[in-house]
Amino acid sequence: MRKLRERSLQAVAGSAKISVAYLQKLENGTVNDPSPRVLRRLAGALEVPYYRLMELAGYLDPDQEERRLPSPVPWVLAGEELSAAEWKAVAAFVRYLKEQRDETHPDEPESGEETG
């Protein structure tokens, strides 16, 4: 994710308050057990869902996803501090977009569905 975002080791490590050497070890698999606290900071630095990093690190079982509280925030909104009313507005807008997609392209499969 760091490379996809075109962020340097120094920038991510600094933002996550970890050393560059530790981040390198995480990336190359030398360290396999990062603490949840480190994962929380990395999630913020990389703008990815914390729960996804917890899952990748083996702290969460993907089959138990429905037990998560609260539900993860889409990565584009990670770090945004929105009020309850603003989150409701975001949800309403997403529903609107999905309805428009369904009306405009009723025969196209939804994201993640196989075609053919």
Protein backbone atom coordinates (compact mmCIF):
# COMPACT_ATOMS: atom_id res chain seq x y z
CA MET A 1 0.00 0.00 0.00
CA ARG A 2 2.86 2.35 0.75
CA LYS A 3 4.26 1.87 -2.74
CA LEU A 4 0.83 2.22 -4.36
CA ARG A 5 0.43 5.55 -2.61
CA GLU A 6 3.95 6.51 -3.70
CA ARG A 7 4.97 7.29 -0.14
CA SER A 8 8.52 6.95 1.09
CA LEU A 9 9.55 4.69 3.94
CA GLN A 10 10.52 7.79 5.90
CA ALA A 11 7.16 9.49 5.38
CA VAL A 12 5.09 6.49 6.44
CA ALA A 13 7.34 5.55 9.33
CA GLY A 14 7.34 9.12 10.60
CA SER A 15 3.58 9.42 10.33
CA ALA A 16 3.08 6.07 12.08
CA LYS A 17 5.69 6.94 14.72
CA ILE A 18 7.79 3.84 14.04
CA SER A 19 11.35 3.49 12.79
CA VAL A 20 12.16 3.11 9.12
CA ALA A 21 14.04 -0.11 9.99
CA TYR A 22 10.93 -1.57 11.66
CA LEU A 23 8.74 -0.63 8.69
CA GLN A 24 11.23 -2.32 6.35
CA LYS A 25 11.10 -5.45 8.50
CA LEU A 26 7.30 -5.43 8.34
CA GLU A 27 7.35 -5.05 4.58
CA ASN A 28 9.87 -7.83 3.95
CA GLY A 29 8.27 -10.23 6.44
CA THR A 30 11.09 -10.27 8.99
CA VAL A 31 8.60 -9.09 11.62
CA ASN A 32 5.38 -11.08 11.56
CA ASP A 33 3.70 -9.93 14.77
CA PRO A 34 3.20 -6.15 14.73
CA SER A 35 1.21 -4.94 17.69
CA PRO A 36 -2.36 -3.73 17.20
CA ARG A 37 -1.15 -0.30 18.33
CA VAL A 38 1.41 -0.19 15.49
CA LEU A 39 -1.20 -1.42 13.03
CA ARG A 40 -3.57 1.36 14.14
CA ARG A 41 -0.91 3.98 13.46
CA LEU A 42 0.02 2.39 10.12
CA ALA A 43 -3.64 2.32 9.09
CA GLY A 44 -3.84 6.05 9.67
CA ALA A 45 -0.54 6.72 7.92
CA LEU A 46 -1.50 4.61 4.90
CA GLU A 47 -5.18 5.56 4.91
CA VAL A 48 -6.36 1.95 4.95
CA PRO A 49 -8.91 0.30 7.23
CA TYR A 50 -7.45 -0.73 10.58
CA TYR A 51 -9.52 -3.91 10.57
CA ARG A 52 -7.97 -4.97 7.26
CA LEU A 53 -4.46 -4.65 8.69
CA MET A 54 -5.56 -6.57 11.79
CA GLU A 55 -6.93 -9.28 9.53
CA LEU A 56 -3.74 -9.46 7.46
CA ALA A 57 -1.66 -9.70 10.64
CA GLY A 58 -3.75 -12.65 11.82
CA TYR A 59 -5.51 -10.94 14.71
CA LEU A 60 -8.95 -11.26 13.13
CA ASP A 61 -10.53 -14.24 11.48
CA PRO A 62 -12.02 -13.17 8.12
CA ASP A 63 -14.88 -15.65 8.68
CA GLN A 64 -15.93 -13.69 11.76
CA GLU A 65 -16.21 -10.41 9.87
CA GLU A 66 -19.83 -9.85 10.88
CA ARG A 67 -18.77 -9.52 14.53
CA ARG A 68 -16.77 -6.36 13.90
CA LEU A 69 -17.82 -3.26 15.75
CA PRO A 70 -17.93 -0.70 14.29
CA SER A 71 -17.89 -1.48 10.60
CA PRO A 72 -14.70 -0.35 8.85
CA VAL A 73 -14.58 3.02 7.16
CA PRO A 74 -13.91 3.06 3.43
CA TRP A 75 -10.24 3.90 2.94
CA VAL A 76 -11.04 7.15 1.13
CA LEU A 77 -12.72 8.36 4.31
CA ALA A 78 -10.18 6.97 6.77
CA GLY A 79 -9.11 9.64 9.18
CA GLU A 80 -12.12 11.85 8.47
CA GLU A 81 -13.91 12.98 11.59
CA LEU A 82 -17.54 13.25 10.55
CA SER A 83 -20.57 13.79 12.73
CA ALA A 84 -23.33 11.19 12.87
CA ALA A 85 -25.42 13.39 10.56
CA GLU A 86 -22.55 13.64 8.07
CA TRP A 87 -22.08 9.84 8.08
CA LYS A 88 -25.81 9.45 7.42
CA ALA A 89 -25.51 11.86 4.50
CA VAL A 90 -22.57 9.87 3.11
CA ALA A 91 -24.59 6.65 3.40
CA ALA A 92 -27.59 8.27 1.70
CA PHE A 93 -25.37 9.51 -1.13
CA VAL A 94 -23.87 6.05 -1.65
CA ARG A 95 -27.38 4.54 -1.78
CA TYR A 96 -28.33 7.18 -4.34
CA LEU A 97 -25.27 6.39 -6.48
CA LYS A 98 -26.04 2.66 -6.38
CA GLU A 99 -29.65 3.29 -7.40
CA GLN A 100 -28.46 5.43 -10.31
CA ARG A 101 -26.02 2.74 -11.40
CA ASP A 102 -28.74 0.08 -11.23
CA GLU A 103 -31.15 2.23 -13.27
CA THR A 104 -28.53 3.28 -15.82
CA HIS A 105 -26.86 -0.10 -16.32
CA PRO A 106 -29.27 -2.82 -15.12
CA ASP A 107 -27.52 -5.60 -17.06
CA GLU A 108 -23.98 -4.91 -15.80
CA PRO A 109 -22.72 -7.09 -12.94
CA GLU A 110 -21.96 -5.38 -9.68
CA SER A 111 -18.36 -5.04 -8.56
CA GLY A 112 -16.97 -8.39 -7.51
CA GLU A 113 -19.44 -10.46 -9.52
CA GLU A 114 -18.10 -12.79 -12.16
CA THR A 115 -19.07 -12.32 -15.77
CA GLY A 116 -19.55 -14.84 -18.51
